[in-house]
Amino acid sequence: MYFGDHSFGDGPWGLHFDGQYRRQGIGQQWQQLLLRPGVNYDLTDKLQASGGYAFIKSHPYGDYPAAFTTPEHRIWQQFIVRQKLGKVGLTHRYRVEQRFVGVKVPDESGEGRLDRFSFRNRFRYFLKGVVPLSRDSAGSTKYYVGLYNELMVNFGSETRNIFDQNRAYAALGTRLPGLGNLEVGYLQQTVQQRNGRVVEYNHTLQVGIFSTLPFGRGR
């Protein structure tokens, strides 16, 4: 995974981009590709507003796979609030998504024909804590533990299940000089499928790079 939040010089505007390459098993087959660009605006040094677009391509996987590979387009808006609790850095993220999920019907090719897009709304609340473990000679965090939980719920007239999924995560992180942070950790994902009858429990190894390098002169 790559997560980038890159400011434009000394101003409040910036560019967001995250890309996620998700595989099943030990990389044997596709699960998902996610590309999410957006624009950031810093309201204060602790409050940021963002919005953008996302493209997701989901493949059949797991014990109860979907019938076909399907596309999804999203529009998203969010607020991020940052705070300190002693030595622990906390990040709250409140995100709303308008999702256009592709629906395929069987065809002669066996890969399915895109018939329509189903509209869905989703709200996500994310809370992450960063606990420093050691510091370098300049006093900056060198190694840390990152912990987060994210709850996702559906709403609106198209809603079948209010609960969508939950993600619980723990990782070890370190600074990458000149780039940002590297995190390697474990994610436990609980997903309720749209039929309401099947709940998945996915165990995931995550490797992520997080960068806040500015464009132009640093802030």
N, C-alpha and C. Protein backbone atom coordinates (compact mmCIF):
# COMPACT_ATOMS: atom_id res chain seq x y z
N MET A 1 0.85 -1.18 0.00
CA MET A 1 0.00 0.00 0.00
C MET A 1 0.89 1.24 0.00
N TYR A 2 0.41 2.27 -0.66
CA TYR A 2 1.06 3.58 -0.60
C TYR A 2 0.01 4.61 -0.21
N PHE A 3 0.31 5.42 0.82
CA PHE A 3 -0.56 6.51 1.25
C PHE A 3 0.26 7.80 1.20
N GLY A 4 -0.15 8.74 0.37
CA GLY A 4 0.57 10.00 0.27
C GLY A 4 -0.33 11.19 0.49
N ASP A 5 0.13 12.14 1.32
CA ASP A 5 -0.52 13.43 1.52
C ASP A 5 0.54 14.49 1.32
N HIS A 6 0.49 15.16 0.16
CA HIS A 6 1.59 16.02 -0.28
C HIS A 6 1.08 17.45 -0.43
N SER A 7 1.57 18.35 0.43
CA SER A 7 1.13 19.74 0.39
C SER A 7 1.82 20.49 -0.74
N PHE A 8 1.17 21.57 -1.19
CA PHE A 8 1.75 22.44 -2.20
C PHE A 8 2.45 23.60 -1.50
N GLY A 9 3.75 23.47 -1.30
CA GLY A 9 4.52 24.53 -0.67
C GLY A 9 4.02 24.85 0.72
N ASP A 10 3.86 26.16 0.99
CA ASP A 10 3.44 26.61 2.32
C ASP A 10 1.94 26.81 2.44
N GLY A 11 1.18 26.56 1.39
CA GLY A 11 -0.26 26.81 1.42
C GLY A 11 -1.02 25.67 2.05
N PRO A 12 -2.35 25.85 2.23
CA PRO A 12 -3.18 24.82 2.87
C PRO A 12 -3.60 23.69 1.95
N TRP A 13 -3.40 23.85 0.62
CA TRP A 13 -3.85 22.84 -0.33
C TRP A 13 -2.81 21.75 -0.51
N GLY A 14 -3.29 20.54 -0.82
CA GLY A 14 -2.40 19.43 -1.06
C GLY A 14 -3.08 18.34 -1.86
N LEU A 15 -2.30 17.37 -2.24
CA LEU A 15 -2.77 16.24 -3.03
C LEU A 15 -2.73 14.98 -2.19
N HIS A 16 -3.81 14.20 -2.25
CA HIS A 16 -3.84 12.89 -1.60
C HIS A 16 -3.85 11.81 -2.68
N PHE A 17 -3.13 10.73 -2.41
CA PHE A 17 -3.24 9.55 -3.26
C PHE A 17 -2.91 8.31 -2.44
N ASP A 18 -3.76 7.29 -2.54
CA ASP A 18 -3.37 5.98 -2.02
C ASP A 18 -3.72 4.91 -3.03
N GLY A 19 -2.81 3.97 -3.14
CA GLY A 19 -2.97 2.82 -4.02
C GLY A 19 -2.73 1.55 -3.23
N GLN A 20 -3.62 0.58 -3.41
CA GLN A 20 -3.53 -0.66 -2.65
C GLN A 20 -3.64 -1.85 -3.59
N TYR A 21 -2.69 -2.76 -3.45
CA TYR A 21 -2.55 -3.93 -4.30
C TYR A 21 -2.79 -5.13 -3.40
N ARG A 22 -3.98 -5.71 -3.49
CA ARG A 22 -4.40 -6.74 -2.55
C ARG A 22 -4.45 -8.10 -3.24
N ARG A 23 -3.80 -9.08 -2.63
CA ARG A 23 -3.73 -10.42 -3.18
C ARG A 23 -4.23 -11.44 -2.17
N GLN A 24 -4.69 -12.58 -2.67
CA GLN A 24 -5.17 -13.66 -1.81
C GLN A 24 -4.05 -14.68 -1.62
N GLY A 25 -4.04 -15.33 -0.43
CA GLY A 25 -3.02 -16.31 -0.13
C GLY A 25 -1.66 -15.65 -0.03
N ILE A 26 -0.61 -16.32 -0.49
CA ILE A 26 0.72 -15.72 -0.50
C ILE A 26 0.94 -15.10 -1.88
N GLY A 27 0.01 -14.25 -2.26
CA GLY A 27 0.09 -13.55 -3.53
C GLY A 27 -0.31 -14.34 -4.74
N GLN A 28 -0.99 -15.50 -4.54
CA GLN A 28 -1.29 -16.36 -5.69
C GLN A 28 -2.27 -15.73 -6.67
N GLN A 29 -3.26 -15.00 -6.18
CA GLN A 29 -4.27 -14.49 -7.10
C GLN A 29 -4.81 -13.16 -6.60
N TRP A 30 -5.47 -12.46 -7.52
CA TRP A 30 -6.01 -11.13 -7.22
C TRP A 30 -7.13 -11.19 -6.18
N GLN A 31 -7.17 -10.16 -5.35
CA GLN A 31 -8.33 -9.88 -4.52
C GLN A 31 -8.93 -8.54 -4.93
N GLN A 32 -8.12 -7.47 -4.83
CA GLN A 32 -8.61 -6.14 -5.19
C GLN A 32 -7.47 -5.24 -5.63
N LEU A 33 -7.81 -4.28 -6.50
CA LEU A 33 -6.96 -3.14 -6.81
C LEU A 33 -7.74 -1.90 -6.45
N LEU A 34 -7.11 -0.99 -5.68
CA LEU A 34 -7.77 0.25 -5.26
C LEU A 34 -6.86 1.42 -5.58
N LEU A 35 -7.40 2.44 -6.26
CA LEU A 35 -6.70 3.68 -6.57
C LEU A 35 -7.58 4.83 -6.11
N ARG A 36 -7.02 5.71 -5.22
CA ARG A 36 -7.87 6.74 -4.60
C ARG A 36 -7.14 8.09 -4.59
N PRO A 37 -7.32 8.92 -5.62
CA PRO A 37 -6.78 10.27 -5.60
C PRO A 37 -7.76 11.25 -4.95
N GLY A 38 -7.21 12.36 -4.47
CA GLY A 38 -8.07 13.38 -3.87
C GLY A 38 -7.31 14.66 -3.61
N VAL A 39 -8.01 15.64 -3.05
CA VAL A 39 -7.46 16.96 -2.73
C VAL A 39 -7.64 17.21 -1.25
N ASN A 40 -6.59 17.71 -0.59
CA ASN A 40 -6.63 18.05 0.84
C ASN A 40 -6.67 19.56 1.03
N TYR A 41 -7.31 19.98 2.13
CA TYR A 41 -7.26 21.39 2.54
C TYR A 41 -7.10 21.41 4.06
N ASP A 42 -6.01 22.02 4.53
CA ASP A 42 -5.74 22.10 5.97
C ASP A 42 -6.49 23.29 6.56
N LEU A 43 -7.51 23.00 7.36
CA LEU A 43 -8.26 24.06 8.04
C LEU A 43 -7.45 24.63 9.19
N THR A 44 -6.76 23.75 9.93
CA THR A 44 -5.80 24.12 10.96
C THR A 44 -4.68 23.08 10.90
N ASP A 45 -3.69 23.19 11.82
CA ASP A 45 -2.62 22.19 11.83
C ASP A 45 -3.11 20.84 12.38
N LYS A 46 -4.33 20.79 12.93
CA LYS A 46 -4.88 19.55 13.48
C LYS A 46 -6.16 19.09 12.79
N LEU A 47 -6.66 19.85 11.83
CA LEU A 47 -7.92 19.52 11.17
C LEU A 47 -7.76 19.66 9.66
N GLN A 48 -8.09 18.59 8.95
CA GLN A 48 -7.93 18.57 7.50
C GLN A 48 -9.22 18.07 6.83
N ALA A 49 -9.63 18.74 5.76
CA ALA A 49 -10.77 18.30 4.96
C ALA A 49 -10.26 17.79 3.62
N SER A 50 -10.88 16.73 3.12
CA SER A 50 -10.44 16.12 1.85
C SER A 50 -11.64 15.62 1.08
N GLY A 51 -11.44 15.45 -0.21
CA GLY A 51 -12.46 14.84 -1.06
C GLY A 51 -11.83 14.34 -2.33
N GLY A 52 -12.49 13.36 -2.96
CA GLY A 52 -11.91 12.84 -4.19
C GLY A 52 -12.71 11.69 -4.77
N TYR A 53 -12.03 10.91 -5.58
CA TYR A 53 -12.59 9.81 -6.35
C TYR A 53 -11.81 8.54 -6.05
N ALA A 54 -12.44 7.38 -6.20
CA ALA A 54 -11.72 6.11 -6.06
C ALA A 54 -12.23 5.12 -7.10
N PHE A 55 -11.30 4.32 -7.60
CA PHE A 55 -11.64 3.21 -8.49
C PHE A 55 -11.21 1.92 -7.83
N ILE A 56 -12.11 0.93 -7.81
CA ILE A 56 -11.84 -0.36 -7.18
C ILE A 56 -12.22 -1.46 -8.16
N LYS A 57 -11.34 -2.42 -8.32
CA LYS A 57 -11.63 -3.61 -9.12
C LYS A 57 -11.56 -4.81 -8.20
N SER A 58 -12.69 -5.49 -7.99
CA SER A 58 -12.78 -6.61 -7.05
C SER A 58 -12.89 -7.92 -7.80
N HIS A 59 -12.11 -8.90 -7.36
CA HIS A 59 -12.07 -10.21 -7.99
C HIS A 59 -12.73 -11.25 -7.08
N PRO A 60 -13.23 -12.34 -7.62
CA PRO A 60 -13.74 -13.43 -6.78
C PRO A 60 -12.61 -14.00 -5.91
N TYR A 61 -12.91 -14.22 -4.61
CA TYR A 61 -11.91 -14.79 -3.71
C TYR A 61 -12.63 -15.41 -2.52
N GLY A 62 -11.91 -16.22 -1.75
CA GLY A 62 -12.42 -16.76 -0.49
C GLY A 62 -13.35 -17.95 -0.67
N ASP A 63 -13.94 -18.36 0.45
CA ASP A 63 -14.82 -19.53 0.47
C ASP A 63 -16.18 -19.26 -0.15
N TYR A 64 -16.60 -18.00 -0.18
CA TYR A 64 -17.90 -17.63 -0.76
C TYR A 64 -17.67 -16.50 -1.77
N PRO A 65 -17.03 -16.82 -2.90
CA PRO A 65 -16.63 -15.77 -3.84
C PRO A 65 -17.81 -15.17 -4.59
N ALA A 66 -17.62 -13.93 -5.02
CA ALA A 66 -18.57 -13.32 -5.94
C ALA A 66 -18.51 -14.06 -7.27
N ALA A 67 -19.55 -13.91 -8.08
CA ALA A 67 -19.61 -14.65 -9.34
C ALA A 67 -18.63 -14.11 -10.37
N PHE A 68 -18.37 -12.78 -10.35
CA PHE A 68 -17.56 -12.18 -11.42
C PHE A 68 -16.65 -11.10 -10.84
N THR A 69 -15.64 -10.75 -11.60
CA THR A 69 -14.83 -9.56 -11.33
C THR A 69 -15.67 -8.33 -11.65
N THR A 70 -15.69 -7.36 -10.72
CA THR A 70 -16.57 -6.20 -10.91
C THR A 70 -15.82 -4.89 -10.64
N PRO A 71 -16.21 -3.81 -11.34
CA PRO A 71 -15.65 -2.48 -11.07
C PRO A 71 -16.51 -1.71 -10.07
N GLU A 72 -15.89 -0.75 -9.42
CA GLU A 72 -16.63 0.17 -8.54
C GLU A 72 -16.01 1.55 -8.65
N HIS A 73 -16.88 2.57 -8.69
CA HIS A 73 -16.46 3.97 -8.68
C HIS A 73 -17.02 4.61 -7.41
N ARG A 74 -16.20 5.42 -6.75
CA ARG A 74 -16.64 6.09 -5.52
C ARG A 74 -16.32 7.58 -5.58
N ILE A 75 -17.18 8.35 -4.94
CA ILE A 75 -16.89 9.72 -4.57
C ILE A 75 -16.81 9.75 -3.06
N TRP A 76 -15.81 10.42 -2.50
CA TRP A 76 -15.63 10.39 -1.04
C TRP A 76 -15.29 11.77 -0.51
N GLN A 77 -15.72 11.99 0.75
CA GLN A 77 -15.42 13.22 1.49
C GLN A 77 -15.02 12.82 2.91
N GLN A 78 -14.08 13.56 3.51
CA GLN A 78 -13.65 13.18 4.86
C GLN A 78 -13.10 14.37 5.63
N PHE A 79 -13.10 14.22 6.96
CA PHE A 79 -12.39 15.10 7.88
C PHE A 79 -11.42 14.25 8.67
N ILE A 80 -10.22 14.77 8.89
CA ILE A 80 -9.22 14.13 9.75
C ILE A 80 -8.91 15.07 10.90
N VAL A 81 -8.95 14.54 12.11
CA VAL A 81 -8.64 15.29 13.32
C VAL A 81 -7.44 14.62 13.99
N ARG A 82 -6.41 15.39 14.29
CA ARG A 82 -5.20 14.87 14.94
C ARG A 82 -5.08 15.45 16.34
N GLN A 83 -4.65 14.61 17.30
CA GLN A 83 -4.47 15.07 18.66
C GLN A 83 -3.39 14.25 19.35
N LYS A 84 -2.93 14.74 20.49
CA LYS A 84 -1.94 14.05 21.30
C LYS A 84 -2.57 13.66 22.62
N LEU A 85 -2.29 12.44 23.07
CA LEU A 85 -2.70 11.96 24.38
C LEU A 85 -1.44 11.47 25.07
N GLY A 86 -0.78 12.37 25.80
CA GLY A 86 0.53 12.06 26.34
C GLY A 86 1.52 11.93 25.19
N LYS A 87 2.22 10.79 25.12
CA LYS A 87 3.17 10.54 24.04
C LYS A 87 2.51 9.90 22.82
N VAL A 88 1.25 9.54 22.95
CA VAL A 88 0.55 8.83 21.88
C VAL A 88 -0.10 9.83 20.92
N GLY A 89 0.18 9.67 19.63
CA GLY A 89 -0.47 10.48 18.61
C GLY A 89 -1.73 9.80 18.12
N LEU A 90 -2.85 10.50 18.12
CA LEU A 90 -4.14 9.95 17.71
C LEU A 90 -4.62 10.61 16.42
N THR A 91 -5.21 9.80 15.54
CA THR A 91 -5.82 10.30 14.31
C THR A 91 -7.24 9.78 14.22
N HIS A 92 -8.20 10.70 14.09
CA HIS A 92 -9.61 10.35 13.86
C HIS A 92 -9.93 10.69 12.40
N ARG A 93 -10.54 9.75 11.70
CA ARG A 93 -10.95 10.02 10.32
C ARG A 93 -12.43 9.71 10.16
N TYR A 94 -13.18 10.68 9.64
CA TYR A 94 -14.61 10.53 9.41
C TYR A 94 -14.83 10.63 7.89
N ARG A 95 -15.24 9.54 7.27
CA ARG A 95 -15.35 9.51 5.81
C ARG A 95 -16.75 9.07 5.38
N VAL A 96 -17.29 9.75 4.35
CA VAL A 96 -18.55 9.37 3.73
C VAL A 96 -18.26 9.02 2.27
N GLU A 97 -18.86 7.92 1.79
CA GLU A 97 -18.63 7.47 0.43
C GLU A 97 -19.96 7.30 -0.31
N GLN A 98 -19.98 7.75 -1.56
CA GLN A 98 -21.07 7.44 -2.47
C GLN A 98 -20.52 6.42 -3.48
N ARG A 99 -21.04 5.20 -3.40
CA ARG A 99 -20.46 4.08 -4.13
C ARG A 99 -21.34 3.68 -5.32
N PHE A 100 -20.71 3.46 -6.46
CA PHE A 100 -21.39 2.97 -7.66
C PHE A 100 -20.75 1.62 -7.99
N VAL A 101 -21.41 0.54 -7.55
CA VAL A 101 -20.86 -0.81 -7.61
C VAL A 101 -21.40 -1.52 -8.85
N GLY A 102 -20.50 -2.02 -9.69
CA GLY A 102 -20.91 -2.71 -10.90
C GLY A 102 -21.64 -4.01 -10.60
N VAL A 103 -22.71 -4.26 -11.36
CA VAL A 103 -23.48 -5.50 -11.26
C VAL A 103 -23.39 -6.20 -12.61
N LYS A 104 -22.90 -7.43 -12.60
CA LYS A 104 -22.77 -8.20 -13.83
C LYS A 104 -23.81 -9.30 -13.90
N VAL A 105 -24.17 -9.67 -15.12
CA VAL A 105 -25.07 -10.80 -15.37
C VAL A 105 -24.33 -11.81 -16.23
N PRO A 106 -24.71 -13.10 -16.16
CA PRO A 106 -24.01 -14.13 -16.94
C PRO A 106 -24.08 -13.86 -18.44
N ASP A 107 -23.00 -14.21 -19.14
CA ASP A 107 -23.00 -14.13 -20.59
C ASP A 107 -22.24 -15.33 -21.15
N GLU A 108 -22.09 -15.37 -22.46
CA GLU A 108 -21.48 -16.53 -23.10
C GLU A 108 -19.99 -16.65 -22.80
N SER A 109 -19.34 -15.54 -22.50
CA SER A 109 -17.90 -15.58 -22.23
C SER A 109 -17.57 -16.21 -20.88
N GLY A 110 -18.55 -16.24 -19.98
CA GLY A 110 -18.32 -16.73 -18.63
C GLY A 110 -17.75 -15.70 -17.69
N GLU A 111 -17.39 -14.51 -18.20
CA GLU A 111 -16.82 -13.44 -17.37
C GLU A 111 -17.88 -12.44 -16.92
N GLY A 112 -19.09 -12.57 -17.42
CA GLY A 112 -20.18 -11.69 -17.03
C GLY A 112 -20.21 -10.42 -17.85
N ARG A 113 -21.43 -9.92 -18.04
CA ARG A 113 -21.64 -8.66 -18.76
C ARG A 113 -22.09 -7.60 -17.78
N LEU A 114 -21.45 -6.42 -17.83
CA LEU A 114 -21.82 -5.33 -16.93
C LEU A 114 -23.22 -4.84 -17.28
N ASP A 115 -24.15 -5.00 -16.36
CA ASP A 115 -25.56 -4.69 -16.61
C ASP A 115 -25.94 -3.30 -16.09
N ARG A 116 -25.41 -2.92 -14.93
CA ARG A 116 -25.78 -1.65 -14.32
C ARG A 116 -24.83 -1.38 -13.16
N PHE A 117 -25.02 -0.20 -12.53
CA PHE A 117 -24.30 0.14 -11.31
C PHE A 117 -25.31 0.32 -10.18
N SER A 118 -25.04 -0.33 -9.05
CA SER A 118 -25.88 -0.21 -7.86
C SER A 118 -25.33 0.90 -6.97
N PHE A 119 -26.19 1.86 -6.60
CA PHE A 119 -25.75 3.00 -5.77
C PHE A 119 -25.89 2.66 -4.30
N ARG A 120 -24.83 2.96 -3.52
CA ARG A 120 -24.83 2.70 -2.08
C ARG A 120 -24.10 3.83 -1.35
N ASN A 121 -24.51 4.08 -0.12
CA ASN A 121 -23.85 5.06 0.75
C ASN A 121 -23.16 4.31 1.90
N ARG A 122 -22.00 4.83 2.32
CA ARG A 122 -21.30 4.21 3.45
C ARG A 122 -20.60 5.28 4.28
N PHE A 123 -20.64 5.09 5.61
CA PHE A 123 -19.91 5.95 6.54
C PHE A 123 -18.83 5.13 7.21
N ARG A 124 -17.64 5.74 7.38
CA ARG A 124 -16.51 5.05 7.97
C ARG A 124 -15.91 5.91 9.08
N TYR A 125 -15.67 5.27 10.24
CA TYR A 125 -14.94 5.95 11.33
C TYR A 125 -13.67 5.17 11.62
N PHE A 126 -12.54 5.89 11.60
CA PHE A 126 -11.22 5.31 11.74
C PHE A 126 -10.51 5.99 12.91
N LEU A 127 -9.94 5.21 13.81
CA LEU A 127 -9.16 5.74 14.93
C LEU A 127 -7.83 5.02 14.97
N LYS A 128 -6.74 5.79 14.87
CA LYS A 128 -5.39 5.22 14.90
C LYS A 128 -4.57 5.85 16.01
N GLY A 129 -3.82 5.03 16.72
CA GLY A 129 -2.88 5.50 17.72
C GLY A 129 -1.47 5.09 17.34
N VAL A 130 -0.52 6.00 17.54
CA VAL A 130 0.90 5.74 17.27
C VAL A 130 1.67 5.88 18.58
N VAL A 131 2.33 4.79 19.00
CA VAL A 131 3.06 4.76 20.27
C VAL A 131 4.55 4.71 19.97
N PRO A 132 5.33 5.77 20.27
CA PRO A 132 6.77 5.75 19.99
C PRO A 132 7.49 4.70 20.83
N LEU A 133 8.45 4.02 20.21
CA LEU A 133 9.28 3.04 20.92
C LEU A 133 10.70 3.55 21.13
N SER A 134 11.22 4.30 20.17
CA SER A 134 12.57 4.84 20.29
C SER A 134 12.69 6.09 19.43
N ARG A 135 13.71 6.89 19.71
CA ARG A 135 13.94 8.12 18.96
C ARG A 135 15.37 8.16 18.45
N ASP A 136 15.56 8.94 17.38
CA ASP A 136 16.91 9.08 16.84
C ASP A 136 17.65 10.22 17.53
N SER A 137 18.87 10.52 17.06
CA SER A 137 19.69 11.54 17.73
C SER A 137 19.09 12.93 17.65
N ALA A 138 18.18 13.16 16.66
CA ALA A 138 17.53 14.46 16.54
C ALA A 138 16.25 14.56 17.35
N GLY A 139 15.88 13.46 18.02
CA GLY A 139 14.68 13.46 18.85
C GLY A 139 13.42 13.05 18.13
N SER A 140 13.51 12.66 16.84
CA SER A 140 12.35 12.22 16.08
C SER A 140 12.10 10.73 16.33
N THR A 141 10.84 10.33 16.22
CA THR A 141 10.49 8.92 16.41
C THR A 141 11.18 8.07 15.36
N LYS A 142 11.85 6.99 15.80
CA LYS A 142 12.53 6.08 14.88
C LYS A 142 11.72 4.80 14.68
N TYR A 143 11.30 4.19 15.78
CA TYR A 143 10.44 3.00 15.71
C TYR A 143 9.18 3.27 16.53
N TYR A 144 8.07 2.69 16.10
CA TYR A 144 6.81 2.90 16.80
C TYR A 144 5.87 1.73 16.56
N VAL A 145 4.84 1.66 17.39
CA VAL A 145 3.75 0.71 17.19
C VAL A 145 2.53 1.50 16.71
N GLY A 146 1.91 1.02 15.64
CA GLY A 146 0.68 1.63 15.13
C GLY A 146 -0.50 0.70 15.34
N LEU A 147 -1.58 1.24 15.91
CA LEU A 147 -2.79 0.46 16.17
C LEU A 147 -3.98 1.24 15.61
N TYR A 148 -4.89 0.53 14.91
CA TYR A 148 -6.10 1.23 14.50
C TYR A 148 -7.29 0.29 14.43
N ASN A 149 -8.46 0.91 14.46
CA ASN A 149 -9.71 0.20 14.20
C ASN A 149 -10.57 1.09 13.31
N GLU A 150 -11.22 0.46 12.33
CA GLU A 150 -12.11 1.20 11.44
C GLU A 150 -13.43 0.45 11.31
N LEU A 151 -14.52 1.16 11.57
CA LEU A 151 -15.87 0.62 11.46
C LEU A 151 -16.55 1.24 10.25
N MET A 152 -17.21 0.40 9.42
CA MET A 152 -17.92 0.88 8.24
C MET A 152 -19.39 0.46 8.33
N VAL A 153 -20.29 1.42 8.12
CA VAL A 153 -21.72 1.13 8.15
C VAL A 153 -22.38 1.72 6.91
N ASN A 154 -23.40 1.01 6.43
CA ASN A 154 -24.15 1.44 5.25
C ASN A 154 -25.38 2.25 5.68
N PHE A 155 -25.81 3.16 4.80
CA PHE A 155 -27.04 3.91 5.07
C PHE A 155 -27.68 4.31 3.74
N GLY A 156 -28.95 4.70 3.80
CA GLY A 156 -29.66 5.12 2.61
C GLY A 156 -30.68 4.09 2.15
N SER A 157 -31.41 4.44 1.09
CA SER A 157 -32.54 3.62 0.64
C SER A 157 -32.10 2.28 0.08
N GLU A 158 -30.85 2.16 -0.39
CA GLU A 158 -30.37 0.90 -0.97
C GLU A 158 -29.79 -0.04 0.08
N THR A 159 -29.85 0.34 1.37
CA THR A 159 -29.19 -0.44 2.41
C THR A 159 -29.89 -1.76 2.68
N ARG A 160 -29.13 -2.85 2.67
CA ARG A 160 -29.61 -4.15 3.09
C ARG A 160 -29.11 -4.47 4.50
N ASN A 161 -27.80 -4.27 4.72
CA ASN A 161 -27.20 -4.49 6.03
C ASN A 161 -26.59 -3.18 6.50
N ILE A 162 -26.92 -2.78 7.72
CA ILE A 162 -26.30 -1.56 8.26
C ILE A 162 -24.81 -1.79 8.48
N PHE A 163 -24.45 -2.90 9.14
CA PHE A 163 -23.04 -3.21 9.34
C PHE A 163 -22.44 -3.70 8.03
N ASP A 164 -21.32 -3.10 7.64
CA ASP A 164 -20.62 -3.51 6.42
C ASP A 164 -19.36 -4.30 6.76
N GLN A 165 -18.44 -3.67 7.50
CA GLN A 165 -17.23 -4.37 7.90
C GLN A 165 -16.51 -3.64 9.02
N ASN A 166 -15.56 -4.36 9.64
CA ASN A 166 -14.69 -3.78 10.66
C ASN A 166 -13.26 -4.24 10.38
N ARG A 167 -12.32 -3.32 10.59
CA ARG A 167 -10.91 -3.63 10.38
C ARG A 167 -10.12 -3.28 11.64
N ALA A 168 -9.44 -4.26 12.20
CA ALA A 168 -8.59 -4.07 13.38
C ALA A 168 -7.15 -4.37 12.97
N TYR A 169 -6.21 -3.49 13.37
CA TYR A 169 -4.86 -3.51 12.80
C TYR A 169 -3.82 -3.24 13.87
N ALA A 170 -2.68 -3.92 13.77
CA ALA A 170 -1.53 -3.67 14.64
C ALA A 170 -0.27 -3.82 13.80
N ALA A 171 0.69 -2.89 13.95
CA ALA A 171 1.87 -2.92 13.09
C ALA A 171 3.07 -2.34 13.81
N LEU A 172 4.25 -2.68 13.31
CA LEU A 172 5.51 -2.05 13.71
C LEU A 172 5.91 -1.10 12.61
N GLY A 173 6.26 0.14 12.98
CA GLY A 173 6.62 1.14 11.98
C GLY A 173 7.98 1.73 12.23
N THR A 174 8.58 2.27 11.17
CA THR A 174 9.87 2.95 11.27
C THR A 174 9.94 4.08 10.27
N ARG A 175 10.80 5.04 10.54
CA ARG A 175 10.99 6.16 9.62
C ARG A 175 11.82 5.72 8.43
N LEU A 176 11.46 6.22 7.24
CA LEU A 176 12.26 6.07 6.03
C LEU A 176 12.78 7.46 5.68
N PRO A 177 14.04 7.75 5.99
CA PRO A 177 14.56 9.11 5.76
C PRO A 177 14.34 9.58 4.33
N GLY A 178 13.80 10.79 4.21
CA GLY A 178 13.56 11.38 2.91
C GLY A 178 12.31 10.92 2.22
N LEU A 179 11.53 10.02 2.85
CA LEU A 179 10.30 9.52 2.21
C LEU A 179 9.10 9.57 3.14
N GLY A 180 9.20 8.98 4.33
CA GLY A 180 8.05 8.92 5.25
C GLY A 180 8.20 7.79 6.22
N ASN A 181 7.17 6.95 6.33
CA ASN A 181 7.17 5.83 7.26
C ASN A 181 6.90 4.53 6.52
N LEU A 182 7.44 3.45 7.07
CA LEU A 182 7.15 2.10 6.61
C LEU A 182 6.48 1.35 7.74
N GLU A 183 5.35 0.68 7.47
CA GLU A 183 4.67 -0.14 8.47
C GLU A 183 4.45 -1.55 7.93
N VAL A 184 4.70 -2.53 8.79
CA VAL A 184 4.42 -3.94 8.49
C VAL A 184 3.57 -4.47 9.62
N GLY A 185 2.38 -5.00 9.30
CA GLY A 185 1.49 -5.39 10.38
C GLY A 185 0.43 -6.39 9.95
N TYR A 186 -0.48 -6.62 10.88
CA TYR A 186 -1.55 -7.60 10.72
C TYR A 186 -2.90 -6.89 10.77
N LEU A 187 -3.79 -7.26 9.85
CA LEU A 187 -5.15 -6.71 9.79
C LEU A 187 -6.15 -7.86 9.89
N GLN A 188 -7.09 -7.72 10.82
CA GLN A 188 -8.19 -8.68 10.93
C GLN A 188 -9.44 -7.97 10.43
N GLN A 189 -9.97 -8.47 9.30
CA GLN A 189 -11.11 -7.84 8.63
C GLN A 189 -12.35 -8.73 8.80
N THR A 190 -13.41 -8.13 9.32
CA THR A 190 -14.70 -8.81 9.44
C THR A 190 -15.67 -8.16 8.46
N VAL A 191 -16.18 -8.94 7.50
CA VAL A 191 -17.03 -8.41 6.43
C VAL A 191 -18.35 -9.16 6.40
N GLN A 192 -19.44 -8.41 6.40
CA GLN A 192 -20.75 -9.02 6.19
C GLN A 192 -21.12 -8.86 4.72
N GLN A 193 -21.30 -9.98 4.03
CA GLN A 193 -21.65 -9.90 2.62
C GLN A 193 -23.04 -9.31 2.45
N ARG A 194 -23.29 -8.81 1.24
CA ARG A 194 -24.54 -8.08 0.99
C ARG A 194 -25.78 -8.95 1.17
N ASN A 195 -25.63 -10.28 1.02
CA ASN A 195 -26.79 -11.17 1.22
C ASN A 195 -27.20 -11.27 2.68
N GLY A 196 -26.36 -10.79 3.61
CA GLY A 196 -26.70 -10.79 5.03
C GLY A 196 -26.55 -12.13 5.72
N ARG A 197 -26.20 -13.18 4.97
CA ARG A 197 -26.13 -14.53 5.54
C ARG A 197 -24.70 -14.99 5.81
N VAL A 198 -23.73 -14.38 5.12
CA VAL A 198 -22.34 -14.83 5.21
C VAL A 198 -21.49 -13.72 5.81
N VAL A 199 -20.68 -14.08 6.82
CA VAL A 199 -19.72 -13.16 7.41
C VAL A 199 -18.32 -13.73 7.17
N GLU A 200 -17.45 -12.92 6.58
CA GLU A 200 -16.07 -13.33 6.31
C GLU A 200 -15.15 -12.83 7.44
N TYR A 201 -14.12 -13.63 7.73
CA TYR A 201 -13.06 -13.24 8.65
C TYR A 201 -11.74 -13.39 7.89
N ASN A 202 -11.19 -12.28 7.46
CA ASN A 202 -9.99 -12.30 6.64
C ASN A 202 -8.77 -11.87 7.45
N HIS A 203 -7.69 -12.64 7.37
CA HIS A 203 -6.45 -12.36 8.09
C HIS A 203 -5.41 -11.91 7.06
N THR A 204 -4.87 -10.71 7.27
CA THR A 204 -4.10 -10.06 6.21
C THR A 204 -2.77 -9.53 6.72
N LEU A 205 -1.70 -9.81 5.97
CA LEU A 205 -0.41 -9.17 6.18
C LEU A 205 -0.40 -7.89 5.36
N GLN A 206 -0.11 -6.77 6.01
CA GLN A 206 -0.08 -5.48 5.31
C GLN A 206 1.32 -4.89 5.34
N VAL A 207 1.74 -4.35 4.21
CA VAL A 207 2.98 -3.60 4.11
C VAL A 207 2.62 -2.26 3.49
N GLY A 208 2.90 -1.18 4.20
CA GLY A 208 2.47 0.13 3.73
C GLY A 208 3.56 1.18 3.86
N ILE A 209 3.59 2.10 2.89
CA ILE A 209 4.46 3.28 2.93
C ILE A 209 3.55 4.50 3.07
N PHE A 210 3.90 5.37 4.01
CA PHE A 210 3.12 6.58 4.31
C PHE A 210 4.04 7.78 4.12
N SER A 211 3.67 8.68 3.23
CA SER A 211 4.55 9.82 2.92
C SER A 211 3.79 11.13 3.02
N THR A 212 4.48 12.15 3.57
CA THR A 212 3.92 13.51 3.62
C THR A 212 4.90 14.51 3.01
N LEU A 213 5.74 14.06 2.10
CA LEU A 213 6.68 14.97 1.46
C LEU A 213 5.93 16.05 0.69
N PRO A 214 6.28 17.31 0.88
CA PRO A 214 5.57 18.39 0.18
C PRO A 214 6.07 18.55 -1.25
N PHE A 215 5.21 19.13 -2.10
CA PHE A 215 5.64 19.60 -3.40
C PHE A 215 6.21 20.99 -3.22
N GLY A 216 7.41 21.23 -3.69
CA GLY A 216 8.00 22.55 -3.52
C GLY A 216 8.55 22.72 -2.12
N ARG A 217 8.62 23.94 -1.64
CA ARG A 217 9.24 24.26 -0.37
C ARG A 217 8.44 23.68 0.78
N GLY A 218 9.07 23.08 1.78
CA GLY A 218 8.41 22.49 2.92
C GLY A 218 7.67 23.50 3.75
N ARG A 219 6.66 23.01 4.49
CA ARG A 219 5.83 23.90 5.29
C ARG A 219 6.43 24.07 6.67
